Amino acid sequence: MTNKKSKWCSNLYTFLVYLFLYAPIFVLIAFSFNKSKSRSVWTGFTFDWYKSLFHNELIINSLINTLIIAAVASVAATVLGTAAAIGINNMNKWLKGVVMNVTYLPVINPEIVTGVSLMLLFIFFRIEFGYTTLILAHISFSVPYVILNVMPKLRQMDKFVYEAALDLGCNPFKAFMKAVIPEIMPGIISGFLMAFTYSIDDFVISYFTSGPQAQTLPIAIYSMTRRKVSPEVNALSTIIFIVVLAILLLVNLKDAGKAKLNRKKIGGEAAR
């Protein structure tokens, strides 16, 4: 009886936590189909906001800007972060500890401090605010996340794999690409995805480093809040949520399929 009660309480607690996390999203999705612009009164079901979304140049251009900046910045940050992680991993213990502590600083530093600092830096070097400043700013705060994702994979890797590849006839570049990169690829992918996500989501740093011709989606939405947020934003948010959810489901199904296949192989070998 006690176990049943404990399990019931555990399930109830889990349900309340997920309800707290996802209730706002479900409300947003529901009101993306609301006929009126009201954010509190339901007046009827419609797809009009989804239709008008694709004719709203401000939102579409801001979304395109966001995706381009996120893609360029995350790729550049992944290359720089991976190279930096490999260099840090080859340092001595004392120097590695110092550099890793410095790497953590941008992660825990308040975004408003980073944003103002980058803005002053670009003004000092007389760099015109726009795509260039946004991409540089996004690279600067994304690199530490890539380093922190790649470093654990480098520590797990057998340090003699690279040397073995050289002994087998590979040149240094080929040995690096064939032996090291496959070992740390999960960390590289995780770092890229984290950099891409943070870049799309960033508002504070982008606000201080953007120009009039290069605005990201969070900045465009913020500018709407001074008047009234259009239900078209609700429609766009719903589409983004569904796309992300679909990607997660596909990845999980793929991983589940691989795990099932591996279990069948192990079971077949055991039967032999």
Protein backbone atom coordinates (compact mmCIF):
# COMPACT_ATOMS: atom_id res chain seq x y z
CA MET A 1 0.00 0.00 0.00
CA THR A 2 2.85 2.37 0.89
CA ASN A 3 4.61 1.65 -2.41
CA LYS A 4 1.41 2.36 -4.37
CA LYS A 5 0.90 5.65 -2.53
CA SER A 6 4.52 6.63 -3.06
CA LYS A 7 4.27 5.82 -6.78
CA TRP A 8 1.02 7.79 -7.08
CA CYS A 9 2.60 10.84 -5.38
CA SER A 10 5.66 10.53 -7.62
CA ASN A 11 3.51 10.42 -10.76
CA LEU A 12 1.41 13.36 -9.57
CA TYR A 13 4.55 15.40 -8.84
CA THR A 14 5.99 14.59 -12.29
CA PHE A 15 2.69 15.55 -13.95
CA LEU A 16 2.58 18.91 -12.10
CA VAL A 17 6.18 19.70 -13.05
CA TYR A 18 5.54 18.99 -16.75
CA LEU A 19 2.26 20.91 -16.59
CA PHE A 20 4.12 23.91 -15.17
CA LEU A 21 6.72 23.67 -17.96
CA TYR A 22 4.39 23.09 -20.91
CA ALA A 23 1.14 24.86 -19.97
CA PRO A 24 2.37 28.24 -21.34
CA ILE A 25 3.32 26.57 -24.64
CA PHE A 26 -0.09 24.90 -24.94
CA VAL A 27 -1.80 28.24 -24.26
CA LEU A 28 0.34 29.88 -26.95
CA ILE A 29 -0.54 27.12 -29.44
CA ALA A 30 -4.25 27.41 -28.62
CA PHE A 31 -4.31 31.19 -29.11
CA SER A 32 -2.44 30.90 -32.42
CA PHE A 33 -5.81 29.58 -33.73
CA ASN A 34 -7.91 32.31 -32.08
CA LYS A 35 -9.94 34.48 -34.45
CA SER A 36 -9.37 37.72 -32.58
CA LYS A 37 -6.11 39.36 -31.50
CA SER A 38 -7.16 39.00 -27.88
CA ARG A 39 -4.70 37.19 -25.60
CA SER A 40 -7.34 36.33 -23.02
CA VAL A 41 -10.70 35.79 -24.79
CA TRP A 42 -11.37 32.89 -27.18
CA THR A 43 -13.62 33.98 -30.06
CA GLY A 44 -13.37 31.07 -32.50
CA PHE A 45 -11.07 28.80 -34.49
CA THR A 46 -9.14 30.02 -37.54
CA PHE A 47 -5.98 29.44 -39.63
CA ASP A 48 -5.83 33.10 -40.72
CA TRP A 49 -2.79 33.94 -38.57
CA TYR A 50 -0.80 31.13 -40.19
CA LYS A 51 -1.74 32.44 -43.64
CA SER A 52 -0.88 36.06 -42.82
CA LEU A 53 2.40 34.96 -41.15
CA PHE A 54 3.98 34.22 -44.53
CA HIS A 55 3.02 37.68 -45.78
CA ASN A 56 4.53 39.51 -42.81
CA GLU A 57 7.88 40.75 -44.16
CA LEU A 58 9.18 41.91 -40.78
CA ILE A 59 8.78 38.50 -39.12
CA ILE A 60 9.96 36.48 -42.14
CA ASN A 61 13.03 38.67 -42.74
CA SER A 62 13.89 38.57 -39.02
CA LEU A 63 13.54 34.76 -39.03
CA ILE A 64 15.79 34.45 -42.09
CA ASN A 65 18.36 36.78 -40.46
CA THR A 66 18.25 34.71 -37.28
CA LEU A 67 18.77 31.40 -39.10
CA ILE A 68 21.61 32.73 -41.29
CA ILE A 69 23.42 34.32 -38.34
CA ALA A 70 22.91 31.22 -36.18
CA ALA A 71 24.17 28.89 -38.94
CA VAL A 72 27.29 30.93 -39.77
CA ALA A 73 28.13 31.67 -36.13
CA SER A 74 27.60 28.09 -34.93
CA VAL A 75 29.73 26.59 -37.72
CA ALA A 76 32.55 29.09 -37.06
CA ALA A 77 32.24 28.58 -33.28
CA THR A 78 32.33 24.79 -33.74
CA VAL A 79 35.55 24.95 -35.77
CA LEU A 80 37.21 27.42 -33.38
CA GLY A 81 35.93 25.67 -30.25
CA THR A 82 37.04 22.22 -31.42
CA ALA A 83 40.53 23.50 -32.30
CA ALA A 84 40.73 25.31 -28.96
CA ALA A 85 39.61 22.19 -27.05
CA ILE A 86 42.31 20.09 -28.72
CA GLY A 87 44.92 22.72 -27.87
CA ILE A 88 43.75 22.98 -24.26
CA ASN A 89 43.75 19.19 -23.90
CA ASN A 90 47.45 19.08 -24.84
CA MET A 91 48.44 21.67 -22.20
CA ASN A 92 49.99 20.77 -18.87
CA LYS A 93 47.65 20.32 -15.91
CA TRP A 94 48.23 23.76 -14.33
CA LEU A 95 47.85 25.74 -17.56
CA LYS A 96 44.82 23.65 -18.60
CA GLY A 97 43.08 24.49 -15.29
CA VAL A 98 43.74 28.22 -15.75
CA VAL A 99 42.48 28.25 -19.37
CA MET A 100 39.36 26.22 -18.50
CA ASN A 101 38.50 28.66 -15.70
CA VAL A 102 38.84 31.53 -18.18
CA THR A 103 36.62 29.57 -20.61
CA TYR A 104 33.89 29.28 -17.97
CA LEU A 105 33.76 33.07 -17.46
CA PRO A 106 31.71 33.94 -20.59
CA VAL A 107 29.22 31.20 -19.64
CA ILE A 108 28.53 32.52 -16.13
CA ASN A 109 29.05 36.20 -17.00
CA PRO A 110 25.75 38.18 -17.16
CA GLU A 111 24.69 38.63 -20.77
CA ILE A 112 24.15 42.35 -20.36
CA VAL A 113 27.82 42.77 -19.39
CA THR A 114 28.91 40.75 -22.43
CA GLY A 115 26.56 42.70 -24.69
CA VAL A 116 27.72 46.14 -23.54
CA SER A 117 31.38 45.02 -23.68
CA LEU A 118 31.05 43.80 -27.27
CA MET A 119 29.18 46.97 -28.26
CA LEU A 120 32.00 49.16 -26.88
CA LEU A 121 34.61 46.95 -28.56
CA PHE A 122 32.95 47.31 -31.97
CA ILE A 123 32.63 51.07 -31.48
CA PHE A 124 36.32 51.28 -30.52
CA PHE A 125 37.37 49.44 -33.69
CA ARG A 126 34.80 51.40 -35.74
CA ILE A 127 33.06 48.30 -37.04
CA GLU A 128 29.67 49.14 -38.55
CA PHE A 129 26.81 47.49 -36.68
CA GLY A 130 24.99 44.88 -38.73
CA TYR A 131 25.49 41.28 -39.81
CA THR A 132 29.25 41.37 -39.12
CA THR A 133 28.91 42.50 -35.51
CA LEU A 134 26.04 40.09 -34.85
CA ILE A 135 27.97 37.11 -36.22
CA LEU A 136 31.14 38.04 -34.31
CA ALA A 137 29.14 38.49 -31.10
CA HIS A 138 27.37 35.14 -31.52
CA ILE A 139 30.67 33.38 -32.23
CA SER A 140 32.21 34.89 -29.09
CA PHE A 141 29.54 33.54 -26.72
CA SER A 142 29.16 30.20 -28.56
CA VAL A 143 32.81 29.10 -28.55
CA PRO A 144 32.92 28.28 -24.77
CA TYR A 145 29.90 25.95 -25.12
CA VAL A 146 31.65 24.05 -27.93
CA ILE A 147 34.84 23.74 -25.86
CA LEU A 148 32.89 22.47 -22.83
CA ASN A 149 31.17 19.82 -25.00
CA VAL A 150 34.30 18.63 -26.82
CA MET A 151 36.66 18.49 -23.81
CA PRO A 152 34.98 15.47 -22.10
CA LYS A 153 35.23 13.46 -25.34
CA LEU A 154 38.93 14.31 -25.63
CA ARG A 155 39.48 13.15 -22.04
CA GLN A 156 37.67 9.87 -22.76
CA MET A 157 39.65 9.22 -25.95
CA ASP A 158 42.67 6.92 -25.88
CA LYS A 159 45.63 9.25 -26.40
CA PHE A 160 47.52 6.55 -28.33
CA VAL A 161 44.90 6.30 -31.12
CA TYR A 162 46.45 9.23 -33.01
CA GLU A 163 49.96 7.79 -32.64
CA ALA A 164 48.74 4.39 -33.83
CA ALA A 165 47.27 5.98 -36.96
CA LEU A 166 50.63 7.64 -37.67
CA ASP A 167 52.45 4.31 -37.19
CA LEU A 168 50.05 2.69 -39.69
CA GLY A 169 51.12 5.15 -42.41
CA CYS A 170 48.73 8.10 -42.10
CA ASN A 171 50.09 11.62 -42.42
CA PRO A 172 49.28 13.95 -39.45
CA PHE A 173 46.21 15.50 -41.12
CA LYS A 174 44.78 12.17 -42.25
CA ALA A 175 45.47 10.62 -38.82
CA PHE A 176 43.64 13.53 -37.19
CA MET A 177 40.63 13.25 -39.52
CA LYS A 178 40.41 9.45 -39.41
CA ALA A 179 41.32 8.75 -35.77
CA VAL A 180 40.59 11.81 -33.63
CA ILE A 181 37.55 13.42 -35.27
CA PRO A 182 35.34 10.25 -35.19
CA GLU A 183 36.14 9.82 -31.49
CA ILE A 184 35.11 13.35 -30.54
CA MET A 185 32.31 13.75 -33.12
CA PRO A 186 29.46 13.37 -30.55
CA GLY A 187 30.95 16.29 -28.58
CA ILE A 188 31.35 18.35 -31.75
CA ILE A 189 27.73 17.74 -32.74
CA SER A 190 26.50 18.56 -29.22
CA GLY A 191 28.56 21.76 -29.21
CA PHE A 192 27.22 22.78 -32.62
CA LEU A 193 23.61 22.17 -31.60
CA MET A 194 24.07 24.08 -28.35
CA ALA A 195 25.73 26.99 -30.17
CA PHE A 196 22.94 27.01 -32.80
CA THR A 197 20.22 26.94 -30.13
CA TYR A 198 21.77 29.70 -28.03
CA SER A 199 22.32 31.82 -31.13
CA ILE A 200 18.67 31.58 -32.20
CA ASP A 201 17.48 32.23 -28.65
CA ASP A 202 19.80 35.14 -27.79
CA PHE A 203 18.27 38.57 -27.23
CA VAL A 204 20.40 40.66 -24.86
CA ILE A 205 23.74 40.41 -26.67
CA SER A 206 22.04 40.69 -30.09
CA TYR A 207 20.20 43.82 -28.92
CA PHE A 208 23.48 45.61 -28.17
CA THR A 209 25.32 44.46 -31.31
CA SER A 210 22.64 44.59 -34.03
CA GLY A 211 22.15 47.30 -36.63
CA PRO A 212 19.00 48.80 -38.18
CA GLN A 213 19.25 46.52 -41.23
CA ALA A 214 20.08 43.32 -39.34
CA GLN A 215 17.56 42.41 -36.68
CA THR A 216 17.05 38.94 -35.27
CA LEU A 217 13.65 37.45 -34.46
CA PRO A 218 13.87 38.03 -30.66
CA ILE A 219 14.60 41.73 -31.28
CA ALA A 220 11.70 42.00 -33.75
CA ILE A 221 9.32 40.40 -31.24
CA TYR A 222 10.59 42.69 -28.48
CA SER A 223 9.87 45.74 -30.67
CA MET A 224 6.27 44.49 -31.05
CA THR A 225 5.74 44.31 -27.28
CA ARG A 226 5.82 48.11 -27.11
CA ARG A 227 2.56 48.05 -29.04
CA LYS A 228 0.91 44.62 -29.13
CA VAL A 229 2.35 41.24 -30.08
CA SER A 230 0.66 39.97 -33.24
CA PRO A 231 -0.94 36.49 -33.13
CA GLU A 232 1.31 35.77 -36.12
CA VAL A 233 4.14 35.43 -33.58
CA ASN A 234 2.06 32.76 -31.82
CA ALA A 235 1.72 30.94 -35.15
CA LEU A 236 5.46 31.13 -35.81
CA SER A 237 6.27 29.93 -32.28
CA THR A 238 3.89 26.99 -32.76
CA ILE A 239 5.61 26.01 -36.02
CA ILE A 240 9.05 26.21 -34.40
CA PHE A 241 7.85 24.10 -31.45
CA ILE A 242 6.40 21.43 -33.76
CA VAL A 243 9.56 21.31 -35.90
CA VAL A 244 11.81 20.93 -32.84
CA LEU A 245 9.49 18.27 -31.38
CA ALA A 246 9.50 16.35 -34.68
CA ILE A 247 13.32 16.44 -34.84
CA LEU A 248 13.60 15.17 -31.27
CA LEU A 249 11.13 12.34 -31.96
CA LEU A 250 13.00 11.31 -35.13
CA VAL A 251 16.35 11.30 -33.30
CA ASN A 252 14.93 9.27 -30.42
CA LEU A 253 13.28 6.79 -32.81
CA LYS A 254 16.56 6.43 -34.70
CA ASP A 255 18.49 5.83 -31.45
CA ALA A 256 15.85 3.34 -30.28
CA GLY A 257 16.12 1.49 -33.60
CA LYS A 258 19.90 1.30 -33.30
CA ALA A 259 19.66 0.05 -29.71
CA LYS A 260 17.12 -2.62 -30.76
CA LEU A 261 19.36 -3.72 -33.64
CA ASN A 262 22.37 -3.94 -31.31
CA ARG A 263 20.37 -6.06 -28.84
CA LYS A 264 19.37 -8.43 -31.67
CA LYS A 265 23.01 -8.75 -32.74
CA ILE A 266 24.15 -9.44 -29.18
CA GLY A 267 21.32 -11.95 -28.72
CA GLY A 268 22.23 -13.69 -32.01
CA GLU A 269 25.90 -13.93 -31.07
CA ALA A 270 24.98 -15.27 -27.61
CA ALA A 271 22.75 -17.94 -29.19
CA ARG A 272 25.64 -19.14 -31.30
